[in-house]
């Protein structure tokens, strides 16, 4: 399973993968899912409150997708033990897979950004290369929970405080190693062919953590004939 420089597009085959499940026994793989369509979302670690909220939203849309014959899968960039502990107290019908190294994120081509060094003459190429000034100047409030839009790191901290979520050492390691990982959603048909793609923040950091809502996901599944 190699790195994919750009996100997979509709009509392309999903790459093979096998990941441990946090709320099931054993591994879940592309082969085990083959034969029925599935929605797969690739998220940052549990340190990201927006990703935690999106997994909760997926739980709400899962019954409608299940009725349409679509499986719902979330890949979390966190160690298996951490995910099991967190979701033991927050059970969900979504199949939760753990990928602490973002191997499958990269195989599906979900972008991961890098910051250009200060004084670099290179032109930023969002989302793969960004200037620190552009990121610092951005403001987000995608869920409307904040009193005003905040710089992304401030928004993360504010919502983690609201949730009472404290980062453990494993979370801090994920932030250090994969802090610029973006989020992506893919609908894959029964034959393993990608039919719909949504990648976070296509227009720049001001659209970080804006994810598809339930209506958009159900509409996408319907457009595939699911």
C-alpha atoms as a PDB file:
ATOM      1  CA  UNK A   1       0.000   0.000   0.000  1.00  0.00           C
ATOM      2  CA  UNK A   2       1.856   3.073  -1.248  1.00  0.00           C
ATOM      3  CA  UNK A   3       1.372   6.793  -0.876  1.00  0.00           C
ATOM      4  CA  UNK A   4      -1.068   8.480  -3.254  1.00  0.00           C
ATOM      5  CA  UNK A   5       0.021  12.040  -4.031  1.00  0.00           C
ATOM      6  CA  UNK A   6      -3.494  13.265  -4.818  1.00  0.00           C
ATOM      7  CA  UNK A   7      -6.860  12.106  -3.484  1.00  0.00           C
ATOM      8  CA  UNK A   8      -8.430   9.181  -5.294  1.00  0.00           C
ATOM      9  CA  UNK A   9     -11.060  10.262  -7.808  1.00  0.00           C
ATOM     10  CA  UNK A  10     -14.415   8.734  -8.725  1.00  0.00           C
ATOM     11  CA  UNK A  11     -13.860   5.784 -11.008  1.00  0.00           C
ATOM     12  CA  UNK A  12     -10.556   4.745  -9.406  1.00  0.00           C
ATOM     13  CA  UNK A  13     -10.085   1.573  -7.392  1.00  0.00           C
ATOM     14  CA  UNK A  14      -9.778   1.818  -3.627  1.00  0.00           C
ATOM     15  CA  UNK A  15      -6.420   0.507  -2.355  1.00  0.00           C
ATOM     16  CA  UNK A  16      -6.178  -2.663  -0.323  1.00  0.00           C
ATOM     17  CA  UNK A  17      -5.987  -2.104   3.426  1.00  0.00           C
ATOM     18  CA  UNK A  18      -6.358  -4.011   6.682  1.00  0.00           C
ATOM     19  CA  UNK A  19      -6.710  -2.233  10.029  1.00  0.00           C
ATOM     20  CA  UNK A  20      -7.565  -3.283  13.587  1.00  0.00           C
ATOM     21  CA  UNK A  21     -11.074  -2.460  14.757  1.00  0.00           C
ATOM     22  CA  UNK A  22     -11.659  -0.596  18.015  1.00  0.00           C
ATOM     23  CA  UNK A  23     -15.269  -1.748  18.491  1.00  0.00           C
ATOM     24  CA  UNK A  24     -15.116  -5.150  16.807  1.00  0.00           C
ATOM     25  CA  UNK A  25     -12.852  -8.141  17.135  1.00  0.00           C
ATOM     26  CA  UNK A  26      -9.987  -8.555  14.697  1.00  0.00           C
ATOM     27  CA  UNK A  27      -9.168  -6.736  11.486  1.00  0.00           C
ATOM     28  CA  UNK A  28     -11.311  -5.068   8.842  1.00  0.00           C
ATOM     29  CA  UNK A  29      -9.997  -4.992   5.285  1.00  0.00           C
ATOM     30  CA  UNK A  30     -11.042  -3.946   1.824  1.00  0.00           C
ATOM     31  CA  UNK A  31     -11.586  -7.618   1.035  1.00  0.00           C
ATOM     32  CA  UNK A  32     -13.866  -8.069   4.041  1.00  0.00           C
ATOM     33  CA  UNK A  33     -15.950  -5.087   2.915  1.00  0.00           C
ATOM     34  CA  UNK A  34     -16.041  -6.072  -0.737  1.00  0.00           C
ATOM     35  CA  UNK A  35     -19.446  -7.034  -2.065  1.00  0.00           C
ATOM     36  CA  UNK A  36     -21.312  -4.089  -0.552  1.00  0.00           C
ATOM     37  CA  UNK A  37     -20.789  -0.342  -0.800  1.00  0.00           C
ATOM     38  CA  UNK A  38     -19.275   1.546   2.100  1.00  0.00           C
ATOM     39  CA  UNK A  39     -18.581   5.075   3.254  1.00  0.00           C
ATOM     40  CA  UNK A  40     -15.108   5.469   4.744  1.00  0.00           C
ATOM     41  CA  UNK A  41     -13.956   8.597   6.555  1.00  0.00           C
ATOM     42  CA  UNK A  42     -10.321   9.310   7.439  1.00  0.00           C
ATOM     43  CA  UNK A  43      -9.897  11.482  10.532  1.00  0.00           C
ATOM     44  CA  UNK A  44      -7.264  13.026  12.713  1.00  0.00           C
ATOM     45  CA  UNK A  45      -6.700  11.611  16.176  1.00  0.00           C
ATOM     46  CA  UNK A  46      -9.018  11.889  19.137  1.00  0.00           C
ATOM     47  CA  UNK A  47      -7.340  15.188  20.006  1.00  0.00           C
ATOM     48  CA  UNK A  48      -9.416  16.813  17.238  1.00  0.00           C
ATOM     49  CA  UNK A  49     -12.860  17.780  18.638  1.00  0.00           C
ATOM     50  CA  UNK A  50     -14.228  18.368  15.144  1.00  0.00           C
ATOM     51  CA  UNK A  51     -13.314  14.805  14.153  1.00  0.00           C
ATOM     52  CA  UNK A  52     -14.934  13.458  17.302  1.00  0.00           C
ATOM     53  CA  UNK A  53     -18.088  15.360  16.366  1.00  0.00           C
ATOM     54  CA  UNK A  54     -18.009  14.022  12.819  1.00  0.00           C
ATOM     55  CA  UNK A  55     -17.814  10.428  14.055  1.00  0.00           C
ATOM     56  CA  UNK A  56     -20.830  11.204  16.250  1.00  0.00           C
ATOM     57  CA  UNK A  57     -22.645  12.602  13.207  1.00  0.00           C
ATOM     58  CA  UNK A  58     -21.816   9.445  11.256  1.00  0.00           C
ATOM     59  CA  UNK A  59     -23.483   7.457  14.020  1.00  0.00           C
ATOM     60  CA  UNK A  60     -26.632   9.466  13.362  1.00  0.00           C
ATOM     61  CA  UNK A  61     -26.579   8.832   9.612  1.00  0.00           C
ATOM     62  CA  UNK A  62     -25.526   5.190   9.919  1.00  0.00           C
ATOM     63  CA  UNK A  63     -29.087   3.778  10.188  1.00  0.00           C
ATOM     64  CA  UNK A  64     -30.119   5.433   6.909  1.00  0.00           C
ATOM     65  CA  UNK A  65     -26.973   4.222   5.166  1.00  0.00           C
ATOM     66  CA  UNK A  66     -27.405   0.743   6.619  1.00  0.00           C
ATOM     67  CA  UNK A  67     -30.979   0.635   5.324  1.00  0.00           C
ATOM     68  CA  UNK A  68     -29.599   1.516   1.885  1.00  0.00           C
ATOM     69  CA  UNK A  69     -27.051  -1.303   2.123  1.00  0.00           C
ATOM     70  CA  UNK A  70     -24.062   0.962   2.794  1.00  0.00           C
ATOM     71  CA  UNK A  71     -21.547   0.178   5.538  1.00  0.00           C
ATOM     72  CA  UNK A  72     -20.129   3.092   7.556  1.00  0.00           C
ATOM     73  CA  UNK A  73     -16.436   3.054   8.497  1.00  0.00           C
ATOM     74  CA  UNK A  74     -14.304   5.630  10.344  1.00  0.00           C
ATOM     75  CA  UNK A  75     -10.495   5.444  10.365  1.00  0.00           C
ATOM     76  CA  UNK A  76      -9.053   7.261  13.380  1.00  0.00           C
ATOM     77  CA  UNK A  77      -5.428   8.378  13.580  1.00  0.00           C
ATOM     78  CA  UNK A  78      -4.935   7.047  17.104  1.00  0.00           C
ATOM     79  CA  UNK A  79      -3.531   3.928  18.813  1.00  0.00           C
ATOM     80  CA  UNK A  80      -5.948   1.028  19.222  1.00  0.00           C
ATOM     81  CA  UNK A  81      -5.920   1.004  23.036  1.00  0.00           C
ATOM     82  CA  UNK A  82      -6.726   4.718  23.212  1.00  0.00           C
ATOM     83  CA  UNK A  83      -9.618   4.374  20.783  1.00  0.00           C
ATOM     84  CA  UNK A  84     -11.036   1.369  22.647  1.00  0.00           C
ATOM     85  CA  UNK A  85     -10.930   3.229  25.937  1.00  0.00           C
ATOM     86  CA  UNK A  86     -12.559   6.365  24.503  1.00  0.00           C
ATOM     87  CA  UNK A  87     -15.328   4.595  22.596  1.00  0.00           C
ATOM     88  CA  UNK A  88     -16.049   2.118  25.374  1.00  0.00           C
ATOM     89  CA  UNK A  89     -17.824   5.024  27.049  1.00  0.00           C
ATOM     90  CA  UNK A  90     -19.210   6.380  23.763  1.00  0.00           C
ATOM     91  CA  UNK A  91     -20.413   3.323  21.813  1.00  0.00           C
ATOM     92  CA  UNK A  92     -21.245   3.828  18.169  1.00  0.00           C
ATOM     93  CA  UNK A  93     -22.663   1.686  15.346  1.00  0.00           C
ATOM     94  CA  UNK A  94     -19.938   3.017  13.043  1.00  0.00           C
ATOM     95  CA  UNK A  95     -17.107   0.548  12.420  1.00  0.00           C
ATOM     96  CA  UNK A  96     -14.059   2.203  14.000  1.00  0.00           C
ATOM     97  CA  UNK A  97     -10.613   1.402  12.642  1.00  0.00           C
ATOM     98  CA  UNK A  98      -7.283   2.614  14.012  1.00  0.00           C
ATOM     99  CA  UNK A  99      -4.356   3.854  11.935  1.00  0.00           C
ATOM    100  CA  UNK A 100      -1.860   5.660  14.184  1.00  0.00           C
ATOM    101  CA  UNK A 101       0.567   6.171  11.283  1.00  0.00           C
ATOM    102  CA  UNK A 102      -1.986   7.464   8.729  1.00  0.00           C
ATOM    103  CA  UNK A 103      -0.946   4.732   6.282  1.00  0.00           C
ATOM    104  CA  UNK A 104      -4.425   4.387   4.788  1.00  0.00           C
ATOM    105  CA  UNK A 105      -4.968   8.148   4.802  1.00  0.00           C
ATOM    106  CA  UNK A 106      -1.963   8.409   2.482  1.00  0.00           C
ATOM    107  CA  UNK A 107      -3.011   5.398   0.378  1.00  0.00           C
ATOM    108  CA  UNK A 108      -6.328   7.096  -0.377  1.00  0.00           C
ATOM    109  CA  UNK A 109      -4.479  10.349  -1.033  1.00  0.00           C
ATOM    110  CA  UNK A 110      -5.928  12.383   1.817  1.00  0.00           C
ATOM    111  CA  UNK A 111      -3.576  15.391   1.895  1.00  0.00           C
ATOM    112  CA  UNK A 112      -1.127  16.123   4.633  1.00  0.00           C
ATOM    113  CA  UNK A 113       0.300  19.627   4.633  1.00  0.00           C
ATOM    114  CA  UNK A 114       3.730  21.020   5.372  1.00  0.00           C
ATOM    115  CA  UNK A 115       4.639  24.542   6.392  1.00  0.00           C
ATOM    116  CA  UNK A 116       7.159  26.399   4.270  1.00  0.00           C
ATOM    117  CA  UNK A 117      10.146  27.724   6.231  1.00  0.00           C
ATOM    118  CA  UNK A 118      10.090  31.391   7.171  1.00  0.00           C
ATOM    119  CA  UNK A 119      11.542  33.425   4.335  1.00  0.00           C
ATOM    120  CA  UNK A 120      11.006  30.669   1.764  1.00  0.00           C
ATOM    121  CA  UNK A 121      10.716  31.889  -1.827  1.00  0.00           C
ATOM    122  CA  UNK A 122       8.516  28.917  -2.743  1.00  0.00           C
ATOM    123  CA  UNK A 123       4.911  29.626  -3.528  1.00  0.00           C
ATOM    124  CA  UNK A 124       2.469  27.911  -1.148  1.00  0.00           C
ATOM    125  CA  UNK A 125       0.553  25.053  -2.770  1.00  0.00           C
ATOM    126  CA  UNK A 126      -2.445  24.411  -0.564  1.00  0.00           C
ATOM    127  CA  UNK A 127      -3.062  21.896   0.895  1.00  0.00           C
ATOM    128  CA  UNK A 128       0.369  20.320   0.466  1.00  0.00           C
ATOM    129  CA  UNK A 129       2.433  23.389   1.301  1.00  0.00           C
ATOM    130  CA  UNK A 130       1.235  26.362   3.294  1.00  0.00           C
ATOM    131  CA  UNK A 131       2.758  29.476   4.747  1.00  0.00           C
ATOM    132  CA  UNK A 132       2.629  29.815   8.508  1.00  0.00           C
ATOM    133  CA  UNK A 133       1.329  33.361   8.065  1.00  0.00           C
ATOM    134  CA  UNK A 134      -1.683  32.093   6.086  1.00  0.00           C
ATOM    135  CA  UNK A 135      -2.462  29.482   8.730  1.00  0.00           C
ATOM    136  CA  UNK A 136      -2.075  31.895  11.647  1.00  0.00           C
ATOM    137  CA  UNK A 137      -4.351  34.418   9.928  1.00  0.00           C
ATOM    138  CA  UNK A 138      -7.142  31.874   9.337  1.00  0.00           C
ATOM    139  CA  UNK A 139     -10.263  31.777  11.505  1.00  0.00           C
ATOM    140  CA  UNK A 140     -12.757  28.935  11.870  1.00  0.00           C
ATOM    141  CA  UNK A 141     -16.013  28.123  13.663  1.00  0.00           C
ATOM    142  CA  UNK A 142     -17.417  25.254  11.573  1.00  0.00           C
ATOM    143  CA  UNK A 143     -19.892  23.924  14.136  1.00  0.00           C
ATOM    144  CA  UNK A 144     -21.046  27.338  15.383  1.00  0.00           C
ATOM    145  CA  UNK A 145     -20.171  26.414  18.981  1.00  0.00           C
ATOM    146  CA  UNK A 146     -17.598  29.148  19.468  1.00  0.00           C
ATOM    147  CA  UNK A 147     -18.619  32.709  20.328  1.00  0.00           C
ATOM    148  CA  UNK A 148     -16.586  33.856  17.318  1.00  0.00           C
ATOM    149  CA  UNK A 149     -14.276  32.320  14.714  1.00  0.00           C
ATOM    150  CA  UNK A 150     -10.871  31.500  16.180  1.00  0.00           C
ATOM    151  CA  UNK A 151      -7.469  30.566  14.839  1.00  0.00           C
ATOM    152  CA  UNK A 152      -7.622  26.774  14.224  1.00  0.00           C
ATOM    153  CA  UNK A 153      -5.360  25.755  17.118  1.00  0.00           C
ATOM    154  CA  UNK A 154      -7.262  28.065  19.454  1.00  0.00           C
ATOM    155  CA  UNK A 155     -10.547  26.569  18.234  1.00  0.00           C
ATOM    156  CA  UNK A 156      -9.278  23.046  18.952  1.00  0.00           C
ATOM    157  CA  UNK A 157      -8.194  24.038  22.441  1.00  0.00           C
ATOM    158  CA  UNK A 158     -11.465  25.843  23.202  1.00  0.00           C
ATOM    159  CA  UNK A 159     -13.632  22.876  22.214  1.00  0.00           C
ATOM    160  CA  UNK A 160     -11.406  20.376  24.020  1.00  0.00           C
ATOM    161  CA  UNK A 161     -11.815  22.501  27.150  1.00  0.00           C
ATOM    162  CA  UNK A 162     -15.574  22.604  26.606  1.00  0.00           C
ATOM    163  CA  UNK A 163     -15.624  18.812  26.214  1.00  0.00           C
ATOM    164  CA  UNK A 164     -13.360  18.221  29.205  1.00  0.00           C
ATOM    165  CA  UNK A 165     -10.972  16.369  26.900  1.00  0.00           C
ATOM    166  CA  UNK A 166      -7.353  16.320  28.068  1.00  0.00           C
ATOM    167  CA  UNK A 167      -4.651  15.153  25.699  1.00  0.00           C
ATOM    168  CA  UNK A 168      -2.702  12.117  26.883  1.00  0.00           C
ATOM    169  CA  UNK A 169       0.870  11.375  25.840  1.00  0.00           C
ATOM    170  CA  UNK A 170      -0.353   9.247  22.935  1.00  0.00           C
ATOM    171  CA  UNK A 171      -2.499  12.138  21.705  1.00  0.00           C
ATOM    172  CA  UNK A 172       0.432  14.547  21.952  1.00  0.00           C
ATOM    173  CA  UNK A 173       2.589  12.142  19.928  1.00  0.00           C
ATOM    174  CA  UNK A 174      -0.091  11.980  17.218  1.00  0.00           C
ATOM    175  CA  UNK A 175      -0.238  15.782  17.100  1.00  0.00           C
ATOM    176  CA  UNK A 176       3.562  15.977  16.821  1.00  0.00           C
ATOM    177  CA  UNK A 177       3.768  13.397  14.036  1.00  0.00           C
ATOM    178  CA  UNK A 178       0.527  13.978  12.118  1.00  0.00           C
ATOM    179  CA  UNK A 179      -0.747  17.378  13.191  1.00  0.00           C
ATOM    180  CA  UNK A 180      -1.196  18.644   9.624  1.00  0.00           C
ATOM    181  CA  UNK A 181      -3.197  15.653   8.416  1.00  0.00           C
ATOM    182  CA  UNK A 182      -6.430  16.600   6.653  1.00  0.00           C
ATOM    183  CA  UNK A 183      -9.711  14.683   6.641  1.00  0.00           C
ATOM    184  CA  UNK A 184     -11.338  12.899   3.716  1.00  0.00           C
ATOM    185  CA  UNK A 185     -14.513  10.949   2.964  1.00  0.00           C
ATOM    186  CA  UNK A 186     -14.958   8.371   0.203  1.00  0.00           C
ATOM    187  CA  UNK A 187     -17.917   6.322  -0.969  1.00  0.00           C
ATOM    188  CA  UNK A 188     -16.781   3.016  -2.425  1.00  0.00           C
ATOM    189  CA  UNK A 189     -19.094   0.705  -4.372  1.00  0.00           C
ATOM    190  CA  UNK A 190     -19.487  -3.051  -4.015  1.00  0.00           C
ATOM    191  CA  UNK A 191     -16.721  -3.667  -6.547  1.00  0.00           C
ATOM    192  CA  UNK A 192     -14.233  -1.465  -4.689  1.00  0.00           C
ATOM    193  CA  UNK A 193     -14.531   1.518  -7.044  1.00  0.00           C
ATOM    194  CA  UNK A 194     -14.600   5.036  -5.604  1.00  0.00           C
ATOM    195  CA  UNK A 195     -17.826   6.839  -6.466  1.00  0.00           C
ATOM    196  CA  UNK A 196     -17.720  10.043  -4.386  1.00  0.00           C
ATOM    197  CA  UNK A 197     -14.977  12.014  -2.660  1.00  0.00           C
ATOM    198  CA  UNK A 198     -14.923  14.908  -0.190  1.00  0.00           C
ATOM    199  CA  UNK A 199     -11.638  16.386   1.017  1.00  0.00           C
ATOM    200  CA  UNK A 200     -11.399  18.875   3.861  1.00  0.00           C
ATOM    201  CA  UNK A 201     -10.533  22.525   3.252  1.00  0.00           C
ATOM    202  CA  UNK A 202     -10.229  22.582  -0.547  1.00  0.00           C
ATOM    203  CA  UNK A 203     -10.061  26.397  -0.575  1.00  0.00           C
ATOM    204  CA  UNK A 204      -7.599  27.031   2.226  1.00  0.00           C
ATOM    205  CA  UNK A 205      -7.325  26.950   6.022  1.00  0.00           C
ATOM    206  CA  UNK A 206     -10.428  29.079   6.584  1.00  0.00           C
ATOM    207  CA  UNK A 207     -12.486  26.016   5.622  1.00  0.00           C
ATOM    208  CA  UNK A 208     -10.714  23.596   7.967  1.00  0.00           C
ATOM    209  CA  UNK A 209     -12.974  21.153   9.828  1.00  0.00           C
ATOM    210  CA  UNK A 210     -15.965  21.717   7.550  1.00  0.00           C
ATOM    211  CA  UNK A 211     -17.157  18.186   6.849  1.00  0.00           C
ATOM    212  CA  UNK A 212     -20.111  16.821   4.858  1.00  0.00           C
ATOM    213  CA  UNK A 213     -23.376  16.839   6.769  1.00  0.00           C
ATOM    214  CA  UNK A 214     -25.857  13.991   6.987  1.00  0.00           C
ATOM    215  CA  UNK A 215     -27.943  15.235   4.057  1.00  0.00           C
ATOM    216  CA  UNK A 216     -24.894  15.500   1.814  1.00  0.00           C
ATOM    217  CA  UNK A 217     -23.740  11.999   2.698  1.00  0.00           C
ATOM    218  CA  UNK A 218     -27.167  10.461   2.116  1.00  0.00           C
ATOM    219  CA  UNK A 219     -27.502  12.338  -1.185  1.00  0.00           C
ATOM    220  CA  UNK A 220     -24.085  11.099  -2.300  1.00  0.00           C
ATOM    221  CA  UNK A 221     -25.061   7.521  -1.478  1.00  0.00           C
ATOM    222  CA  UNK A 222     -28.307   7.978  -3.389  1.00  0.00           C
ATOM    223  CA  UNK A 223     -26.456   9.296  -6.431  1.00  0.00           C
ATOM    224  CA  UNK A 224     -24.536   6.015  -6.551  1.00  0.00           C
ATOM    225  CA  UNK A 225     -27.800   4.095  -6.610  1.00  0.00           C
ATOM    226  CA  UNK A 226     -27.346   2.871  -3.051  1.00  0.00           C
END
